[in-house]
Amino acid sequence: MTRSPCDLDGMTIEALQLHKEEVERKILAKRETDNRAVIDQIVELVNTHNIPVAELVDALGGLTIKRKLGPAVQKYRDPETGLTWSGRGKEPLWLRGKERAKFQIP
């Protein structure tokens, strides 16, 4: 499908912005339609060949599950400064090389 190009040089900034937004909407709609068609093809092939889901997932590189950690409970306190550390992340300097049990918050 060929169309004559728009006269972009003769358009105002506002008209260009509206044109850009329309093009972006059409690209998004086309991408969603294309993706749906590909997914439908994959589903059909998986069902036709009775491919187990686990085998398909492995072939795609497996699942990655990100754990959502809640707020960290503070486990250690520096008695001199009152600074605390939860045990997550880099060990603070005030605790480095020392016995952690002495700094545990009861």
Protein backbone atom coordinates (compact mmCIF):
# COMPACT_ATOMS: atom_id res chain seq x y z
CA MET A 1 0.00 0.00 0.00
CA THR A 2 1.60 3.26 -1.06
CA ARG A 3 0.37 6.68 -0.17
CA SER A 4 1.56 10.07 -1.12
CA PRO A 5 3.67 11.52 1.65
CA CYS A 6 2.20 14.23 3.85
CA ASP A 7 3.49 17.74 3.45
CA LEU A 8 5.21 17.66 6.83
CA ASP A 9 7.20 20.81 6.10
CA GLY A 10 4.01 22.83 5.67
CA MET A 11 2.43 21.66 8.95
CA THR A 12 2.41 23.60 12.19
CA ILE A 13 4.01 22.17 15.32
CA GLU A 14 0.55 21.49 16.75
CA ALA A 15 -0.54 19.66 13.57
CA LEU A 16 2.70 17.66 13.55
CA GLN A 17 2.18 16.72 17.21
CA LEU A 18 -1.38 15.52 16.45
CA HIS A 19 -0.09 13.60 13.44
CA LYS A 20 2.64 12.02 15.57
CA GLU A 21 0.12 10.95 18.22
CA GLU A 22 -2.14 9.42 15.57
CA VAL A 23 0.79 7.51 14.04
CA GLU A 24 1.86 6.25 17.49
CA ARG A 25 -1.71 5.04 18.21
CA LYS A 26 -1.84 3.22 14.88
CA ILE A 27 1.58 1.63 15.48
CA LEU A 28 0.47 0.41 18.91
CA ALA A 29 -2.79 -1.01 17.53
CA LYS A 30 -0.96 -2.73 14.66
CA ARG A 31 1.66 -4.17 17.05
CA GLU A 32 -1.08 -5.55 19.33
CA THR A 33 -2.89 -7.11 16.34
CA ASP A 34 0.32 -8.66 15.01
CA ASN A 35 1.29 -9.98 18.47
CA ARG A 36 -2.15 -11.53 18.93
CA ALA A 37 -1.86 -13.27 15.54
CA VAL A 38 1.58 -14.67 16.43
CA ILE A 39 0.36 -15.86 19.83
CA ASP A 40 -2.62 -17.55 18.18
CA GLN A 41 -0.25 -19.35 15.79
CA ILE A 42 1.95 -20.48 18.69
CA VAL A 43 -1.07 -21.77 20.64
CA GLU A 44 -2.26 -23.68 17.57
CA LEU A 45 1.16 -25.29 17.04
CA VAL A 46 1.54 -26.17 20.73
CA ASN A 47 -1.90 -27.77 20.77
CA THR A 48 -1.40 -29.57 17.43
CA HIS A 49 1.90 -31.10 18.53
CA ASN A 50 0.86 -31.67 22.17
CA ILE A 51 3.90 -29.84 23.47
CA PRO A 52 3.92 -29.77 27.29
CA VAL A 53 3.95 -26.28 28.77
CA ALA A 54 7.04 -27.08 30.87
CA GLU A 55 8.96 -28.07 27.72
CA LEU A 56 7.90 -24.87 25.99
CA VAL A 57 8.91 -22.75 28.97
CA ASP A 58 12.31 -24.47 29.12
CA ALA A 59 12.81 -23.86 25.39
CA LEU A 60 12.08 -20.17 25.96
CA GLY A 61 14.70 -19.91 28.69
CA GLY A 62 12.58 -20.71 31.73
CA LEU A 63 10.62 -18.51 34.05
CA THR A 64 12.11 -15.72 36.06
CA ILE A 65 10.22 -14.88 39.19
CA LYS A 66 11.05 -11.71 41.04
CA ARG A 67 10.36 -11.91 44.71
CA LYS A 68 8.68 -8.91 46.18
CA LEU A 69 10.36 -8.29 49.48
CA GLY A 70 8.45 -6.47 52.14
CA PRO A 71 9.94 -3.76 54.26
CA ALA A 72 13.18 -4.86 55.86
CA VAL A 73 13.10 -5.53 59.59
CA GLN A 74 16.08 -3.94 61.28
CA LYS A 75 18.19 -6.66 62.95
CA TYR A 76 21.36 -4.85 64.03
CA ARG A 77 21.98 -1.52 65.79
CA ASP A 78 25.18 0.42 66.39
CA PRO A 79 25.00 1.44 70.08
CA GLU A 80 27.23 4.47 69.49
CA THR A 81 25.37 6.08 66.61
CA GLY A 82 21.98 4.37 66.68
CA LEU A 83 22.33 3.38 63.03
CA THR A 84 20.57 0.16 62.08
CA TRP A 85 20.97 -2.52 59.43
CA SER A 86 18.51 -5.17 58.30
CA GLY A 87 21.07 -7.67 57.05
CA ARG A 88 20.16 -6.87 53.44
CA GLY A 89 22.59 -5.23 51.12
CA LYS A 90 26.15 -4.21 51.79
CA GLU A 91 27.37 -4.65 55.35
CA PRO A 92 27.85 -1.27 57.05
CA LEU A 93 31.31 -0.17 58.11
CA TRP A 94 30.37 0.00 61.79
CA LEU A 95 29.61 -3.75 61.70
CA ARG A 96 32.33 -4.95 59.35
CA GLY A 97 34.66 -7.54 60.89
CA LYS A 98 32.80 -7.57 64.22
CA GLU A 99 30.66 -10.21 65.91
CA ARG A 100 27.10 -9.54 64.70
CA ALA A 101 25.48 -11.14 67.74
CA LYS A 102 26.71 -8.23 69.89
CA PHE A 103 24.77 -5.77 67.71
CA GLN A 104 21.53 -7.74 67.33
CA ILE A 105 18.32 -5.96 68.19
CA PRO A 106 16.33 -8.09 70.64
